Structure formats: structure tokens, C-alpha cells
C-alpha atoms as a PDB file:
ATOM      1  CA  MET A   1      -8.846  -3.957 -15.532  1.00  0.00           C
ATOM      2  CA  PRO A   2      -5.791  -6.223 -15.733  1.00  0.00           C
ATOM      3  CA  GLY A   3      -2.775  -4.219 -16.684  1.00  0.00           C
ATOM      4  CA  ALA A   4      -4.549  -0.907 -16.198  1.00  0.00           C
ATOM      5  CA  ALA A   5      -5.406  -0.571 -12.493  1.00  0.00           C
ATOM      6  CA  LYS A   6      -4.033   2.327 -10.469  1.00  0.00           C
ATOM      7  CA  VAL A   7      -3.425   1.311  -6.855  1.00  0.00           C
ATOM      8  CA  LEU A   8      -2.610   3.919  -4.213  1.00  0.00           C
ATOM      9  CA  PHE A   9      -1.366   2.814  -0.774  1.00  0.00           C
ATOM     10  CA  VAL A  10      -1.953   5.322   2.029  1.00  0.00           C
ATOM     11  CA  CYS A  11      -0.502   5.502   5.530  1.00  0.00           C
ATOM     12  CA  GLY A  12       0.411   8.315   7.911  1.00  0.00           C
ATOM     13  CA  GLY A  13       3.882   9.630   7.151  1.00  0.00           C
ATOM     14  CA  ASN A  14       4.588   7.687   3.920  1.00  0.00           C
ATOM     15  CA  THR A  15       7.963   6.507   5.205  1.00  0.00           C
ATOM     16  CA  CYS A  16       7.192   2.992   6.532  1.00  0.00           C
ATOM     17  CA  ARG A  17       4.045   1.023   5.732  1.00  0.00           C
ATOM     18  CA  SER A  18       2.949   2.423   2.379  1.00  0.00           C
ATOM     19  CA  PRO A  19       6.403   2.485   0.729  1.00  0.00           C
ATOM     20  CA  MET A  20       6.970  -1.058   2.002  1.00  0.00           C
ATOM     21  CA  ALA A  21       3.619  -2.057   0.497  1.00  0.00           C
ATOM     22  CA  VAL A  22       4.602  -0.537  -2.859  1.00  0.00           C
ATOM     23  CA  GLY A  23       7.937  -2.368  -2.910  1.00  0.00           C
ATOM     24  CA  ILE A  24       6.480  -5.730  -1.939  1.00  0.00           C
ATOM     25  CA  PHE A  25       3.506  -5.369  -4.298  1.00  0.00           C
ATOM     26  CA  ARG A  26       5.748  -4.500  -7.244  1.00  0.00           C
ATOM     27  CA  ARG A  27       7.902  -7.548  -6.532  1.00  0.00           C
ATOM     28  CA  LEU A  28       4.843  -9.818  -6.341  1.00  0.00           C
ATOM     29  CA  ILE A  29       3.617  -8.468  -9.670  1.00  0.00           C
ATOM     30  CA  GLU A  30       7.017  -9.003 -11.261  1.00  0.00           C
ATOM     31  CA  GLU A  31       7.401 -12.535  -9.913  1.00  0.00           C
ATOM     32  CA  GLN A  32       3.870 -13.924 -10.143  1.00  0.00           C
ATOM     33  CA  TRP A  33       1.379 -11.686 -11.907  1.00  0.00           C
ATOM     34  CA  LYS A  34       3.379  -9.893 -14.589  1.00  0.00           C
ATOM     35  CA  ASP A  35       1.216 -11.224 -17.435  1.00  0.00           C
ATOM     36  CA  GLU A  36      -2.014 -10.165 -15.723  1.00  0.00           C
ATOM     37  CA  LEU A  37      -0.830  -7.007 -13.952  1.00  0.00           C
ATOM     38  CA  GLY A  38       2.235  -5.955 -15.918  1.00  0.00           C
ATOM     39  CA  ARG A  39       1.073  -2.387 -16.418  1.00  0.00           C
ATOM     40  CA  VAL A  40      -0.538  -1.767 -13.033  1.00  0.00           C
ATOM     41  CA  GLU A  41       0.421   1.601 -11.577  1.00  0.00           C
ATOM     42  CA  VAL A  42       1.391   1.482  -7.913  1.00  0.00           C
ATOM     43  CA  SER A  43       2.091   4.511  -5.742  1.00  0.00           C
ATOM     44  CA  SER A  44       1.864   5.697  -2.154  1.00  0.00           C
ATOM     45  CA  ALA A  45       1.162   8.813  -0.119  1.00  0.00           C
ATOM     46  CA  GLY A  46       0.657   9.823   3.495  1.00  0.00           C
ATOM     47  CA  LEU A  47      -2.087  11.689   5.286  1.00  0.00           C
ATOM     48  CA  ALA A  48       0.467  13.485   7.494  1.00  0.00           C
ATOM     49  CA  ALA A  49       3.505  13.207   5.228  1.00  0.00           C
ATOM     50  CA  VAL A  50       6.176  15.814   4.758  1.00  0.00           C
ATOM     51  CA  ASP A  51       7.078  15.793   1.065  1.00  0.00           C
ATOM     52  CA  GLY A  52      10.504  14.482   0.120  1.00  0.00           C
ATOM     53  CA  CYS A  53      11.492  12.280   3.076  1.00  0.00           C
ATOM     54  CA  PRO A  54      13.154   8.924   2.367  1.00  0.00           C
ATOM     55  CA  ALA A  55      11.762   5.619   3.582  1.00  0.00           C
ATOM     56  CA  SER A  56      12.744   4.891   7.165  1.00  0.00           C
ATOM     57  CA  TYR A  57      16.012   3.155   7.896  1.00  0.00           C
ATOM     58  CA  HIS A  58      14.423  -0.111   9.025  1.00  0.00           C
ATOM     59  CA  ALA A  59      11.850  -0.107   6.208  1.00  0.00           C
ATOM     60  CA  SER A  60      14.645   0.169   3.627  1.00  0.00           C
ATOM     61  CA  GLY A  61      16.835  -2.345   5.440  1.00  0.00           C
ATOM     62  CA  VAL A  62      14.174  -5.020   5.851  1.00  0.00           C
ATOM     63  CA  LEU A  63      13.097  -4.737   2.235  1.00  0.00           C
ATOM     64  CA  ALA A  64      16.734  -4.776   1.071  1.00  0.00           C
ATOM     65  CA  SER A  65      17.132  -8.113   2.873  1.00  0.00           C
ATOM     66  CA  MET A  66      14.201  -9.340   0.749  1.00  0.00           C
ATOM     67  CA  GLY A  67      15.871  -8.103  -2.443  1.00  0.00           C
ATOM     68  CA  ILE A  68      13.639  -5.025  -2.742  1.00  0.00           C
ATOM     69  CA  ASP A  69      15.208  -1.581  -3.118  1.00  0.00           C
ATOM     70  CA  ILE A  70      13.102   1.364  -1.909  1.00  0.00           C
ATOM     71  CA  ARG A  71      15.980   3.794  -1.379  1.00  0.00           C
ATOM     72  CA  ALA A  72      14.665   6.079  -4.140  1.00  0.00           C
ATOM     73  CA  HIS A  73      11.322   6.506  -2.352  1.00  0.00           C
ATOM     74  CA  ARG A  74      10.401  10.043  -1.326  1.00  0.00           C
ATOM     75  CA  SER A  75       7.317  10.732   0.763  1.00  0.00           C
ATOM     76  CA  ARG A  76       4.300  12.533  -0.673  1.00  0.00           C
ATOM     77  CA  SER A  77       1.440  14.218   1.094  1.00  0.00           C
ATOM     78  CA  LEU A  78      -1.928  12.822   0.012  1.00  0.00           C
ATOM     79  CA  ASN A  79      -4.183  15.152  -1.939  1.00  0.00           C
ATOM     80  CA  ALA A  80      -7.676  14.803  -3.392  1.00  0.00           C
ATOM     81  CA  ASP A  81      -6.432  14.433  -6.982  1.00  0.00           C
ATOM     82  CA  MET A  82      -4.380  11.353  -6.047  1.00  0.00           C
ATOM     83  CA  VAL A  83      -7.489   9.743  -4.595  1.00  0.00           C
ATOM     84  CA  ARG A  84      -9.655  10.640  -7.591  1.00  0.00           C
ATOM     85  CA  GLU A  85      -7.095   9.266 -10.086  1.00  0.00           C
ATOM     86  CA  ALA A  86      -6.681   5.907  -8.312  1.00  0.00           C
ATOM     87  CA  ASP A  87      -8.860   2.880  -9.040  1.00  0.00           C
ATOM     88  CA  PHE A  88      -8.196   1.479  -5.566  1.00  0.00           C
ATOM     89  CA  VAL A  89      -7.036   3.366  -2.475  1.00  0.00           C
ATOM     90  CA  LEU A  90      -5.752   0.963   0.182  1.00  0.00           C
ATOM     91  CA  THR A  91      -5.167   2.379   3.649  1.00  0.00           C
ATOM     92  CA  MET A  92      -3.263   0.768   6.491  1.00  0.00           C
ATOM     93  CA  THR A  93      -5.928   1.488   9.139  1.00  0.00           C
ATOM     94  CA  SER A  94      -9.663   2.016   9.398  1.00  0.00           C
ATOM     95  CA  ASP A  95      -9.077   5.552  10.721  1.00  0.00           C
ATOM     96  CA  GLN A  96      -6.985   6.383   7.642  1.00  0.00           C
ATOM     97  CA  ARG A  97      -9.811   5.069   5.442  1.00  0.00           C
ATOM     98  CA  ARG A  98     -12.204   7.405   7.242  1.00  0.00           C
ATOM     99  CA  GLN A  99      -9.856  10.354   6.688  1.00  0.00           C
ATOM    100  CA  VAL A 100      -9.468   9.618   2.972  1.00  0.00           C
ATOM    101  CA  VAL A 101     -13.248   9.356   2.528  1.00  0.00           C
ATOM    102  CA  GLN A 102     -13.657  12.601   4.460  1.00  0.00           C
ATOM    103  CA  LEU A 103     -11.198  14.243   2.032  1.00  0.00           C
ATOM    104  CA  VAL A 104     -12.941  12.841  -1.086  1.00  0.00           C
ATOM    105  CA  PRO A 105     -16.450  11.624  -0.171  1.00  0.00           C
ATOM    106  CA  GLU A 106     -17.265  10.513  -3.718  1.00  0.00           C
ATOM    107  CA  ALA A 107     -14.374   8.023  -3.573  1.00  0.00           C
ATOM    108  CA  GLU A 108     -15.879   5.984  -0.713  1.00  0.00           C
ATOM    109  CA  GLY A 109     -16.558   2.936  -2.909  1.00  0.00           C
ATOM    110  CA  LYS A 110     -12.914   2.568  -3.909  1.00  0.00           C
ATOM    111  CA  VAL A 111     -11.245   3.223  -0.551  1.00  0.00           C
ATOM    112  CA  PHE A 112     -10.530   0.121   1.530  1.00  0.00           C
ATOM    113  CA  VAL A 113      -8.543  -0.879   4.579  1.00  0.00           C
ATOM    114  CA  LEU A 114      -5.794  -3.002   3.021  1.00  0.00           C
ATOM    115  CA  LYS A 115      -6.546  -6.051   5.147  1.00  0.00           C
ATOM    116  CA  ASP A 116     -10.231  -5.883   4.079  1.00  0.00           C
ATOM    117  CA  PHE A 117      -9.413  -5.980   0.361  1.00  0.00           C
ATOM    118  CA  PRO A 118     -10.709  -7.590  -1.719  1.00  0.00           C
ATOM    119  CA  PRO A 119     -14.133  -6.923  -0.225  1.00  0.00           C
ATOM    120  CA  GLY A 120     -15.378  -9.835   1.778  1.00  0.00           C
ATOM    121  CA  PRO A 121     -15.097 -11.023   5.341  1.00  0.00           C
ATOM    122  CA  GLU A 122     -13.176  -8.524   7.417  1.00  0.00           C
ATOM    123  CA  GLU A 123     -10.084  -9.666   9.259  1.00  0.00           C
ATOM    124  CA  SER A 124     -10.410  -9.603  13.033  1.00  0.00           C
ATOM    125  CA  ASP A 125      -7.539  -7.112  13.370  1.00  0.00           C
ATOM    126  CA  ARG A 126      -8.061  -4.734  10.459  1.00  0.00           C
ATOM    127  CA  ASP A 127      -5.229  -2.298  11.119  1.00  0.00           C
ATOM    128  CA  LEU A 128      -1.595  -2.743  10.134  1.00  0.00           C
ATOM    129  CA  GLN A 129       0.307  -1.363  13.104  1.00  0.00           C
ATOM    130  CA  ASP A 130       2.785   1.454  12.528  1.00  0.00           C
ATOM    131  CA  PRO A 131       6.327   0.216  13.250  1.00  0.00           C
ATOM    132  CA  PHE A 132       7.768   3.746  13.361  1.00  0.00           C
ATOM    133  CA  GLY A 133      10.101   4.157  16.315  1.00  0.00           C
ATOM    134  CA  GLN A 134      10.337   0.415  16.942  1.00  0.00           C
ATOM    135  CA  GLY A 135      13.161  -2.001  16.204  1.00  0.00           C
ATOM    136  CA  ARG A 136      13.881  -4.030  13.123  1.00  0.00           C
ATOM    137  CA  GLU A 137      11.731  -6.932  14.346  1.00  0.00           C
ATOM    138  CA  ALA A 138       8.562  -4.818  14.061  1.00  0.00           C
ATOM    139  CA  TYR A 139       9.439  -3.996  10.451  1.00  0.00           C
ATOM    140  CA  GLU A 140      10.174  -7.643   9.674  1.00  0.00           C
ATOM    141  CA  GLU A 141       6.788  -8.636  11.099  1.00  0.00           C
ATOM    142  CA  LEU A 142       5.099  -5.906   9.060  1.00  0.00           C
ATOM    143  CA  ALA A 143       6.850  -7.074   5.882  1.00  0.00           C
ATOM    144  CA  ARG A 144       5.596 -10.636   6.410  1.00  0.00           C
ATOM    145  CA  GLU A 145       2.056  -9.410   7.033  1.00  0.00           C
ATOM    146  CA  LEU A 146       2.148  -7.103   4.008  1.00  0.00           C
ATOM    147  CA  GLU A 147       3.363  -9.897   1.764  1.00  0.00           C
ATOM    148  CA  ARG A 148       0.530 -12.171   2.908  1.00  0.00           C
ATOM    149  CA  VAL A 149      -2.158  -9.544   2.380  1.00  0.00           C
ATOM    150  CA  LEU A 150      -0.708  -8.238  -0.897  1.00  0.00           C
ATOM    151  CA  ARG A 151      -0.699 -11.728  -2.431  1.00  0.00           C
ATOM    152  CA  ARG A 152      -4.466 -11.712  -1.953  1.00  0.00           C
ATOM    153  CA  VAL A 153      -4.761  -8.226  -3.476  1.00  0.00           C
ATOM    154  CA  ALA A 154      -2.671  -9.135  -6.533  1.00  0.00           C
ATOM    155  CA  GLY A 155      -4.602 -12.356  -7.065  1.00  0.00           C
ATOM    156  CA  TYR A 156      -7.899 -10.493  -6.911  1.00  0.00           C
ATOM    157  CA  LEU A 157      -6.794  -7.811  -9.373  1.00  0.00           C
ATOM    158  CA  ALA A 158      -5.404 -10.458 -11.749  1.00  0.00           C
ATOM    159  CA  GLU A 159      -8.827 -12.127 -11.887  1.00  0.00           C
ATOM    160  CA  GLN A 160     -10.746  -8.968 -12.819  1.00  0.00           C
ATOM    161  CA  ASP A 161     -12.127  -8.517 -16.328  1.00  0.00           C
ATOM    162  CA  PRO A 162     -10.476  -5.915 -18.570  1.00  0.00           C
END
């Protein structure tokens, strides 16, 4: 699977958590796992997204301070085809995982709460809290948490057999 995996991050509105996850994950791949994951496809969508909205102000600002530009991001509403085409669907909360599986029941084995991936011991607090409507500090905390979790995800994918 190295270099060929399709990873889809899913949140609610596709303006905060999932676009931040895409930006951070792409940077991690570029900096640390390019040889193993150079061709990985990374995208995002939202269960309640309105198509075409930019990433939130604080999401863009916090990532810009990390050297990551997500200004071109435009939200997309999740559909069943996106789920079927992905190798891994990583949701921000356990409720979002349930909704994705409800939408595409046959995809259950490839839909995970982000903090529970790769499969193994679950984290005590599985959900990544939505910072929408909060101040910059909430987005900075989310970015740190995403980076920690996404390092584990990238490392796992890099170790998989082709």
C-alpha cells in the first residue's frame, strides 16, 4: 500500500478539523515519509458541509503559523462514493464514524475514529473536539493534537506492505 493509499478525513462542516488534518498530514508526508508515502492521496469532507466554503479563519491562521497553507481549501459534503473510493476513512469523533458506517455499511472495516487508528488500544478520549466558534487557542491545541495523532497514522501506513 505505500504510495497508493487513499485517506479521507471526515468531520462535520469540513472547515476546521478535517482540512487541518489534511494540511498537517501532507506536511508530515513531505517532511518524513515522502519515500514511503509519496503518492498517498489525502482529502477531506464533512457530514454536514455546505460545498465551497473556505477553511475557518483560525484554522487557516494556525496552520499558516506552522508553514502550512490551506487557503485553497473548499468544503465538500461527504457522499457514499467518497467513502467507497477511500482505503481509510478517518473521522474526528465516534458519532461521525457511526454516521459514515450508516451511510455505507459495507465500509465499516475501513472507517476509524482518527485517534483509534491504527487499530489497537483505544485512547481514553476518542473524540477530537470541534474548535468552531472558539478562539485561536482551541485551534492551536487541536493542531498539536492532530500532529501527534497523524504522526502515528503516517508511520503505520509507511510500514504497510505494497
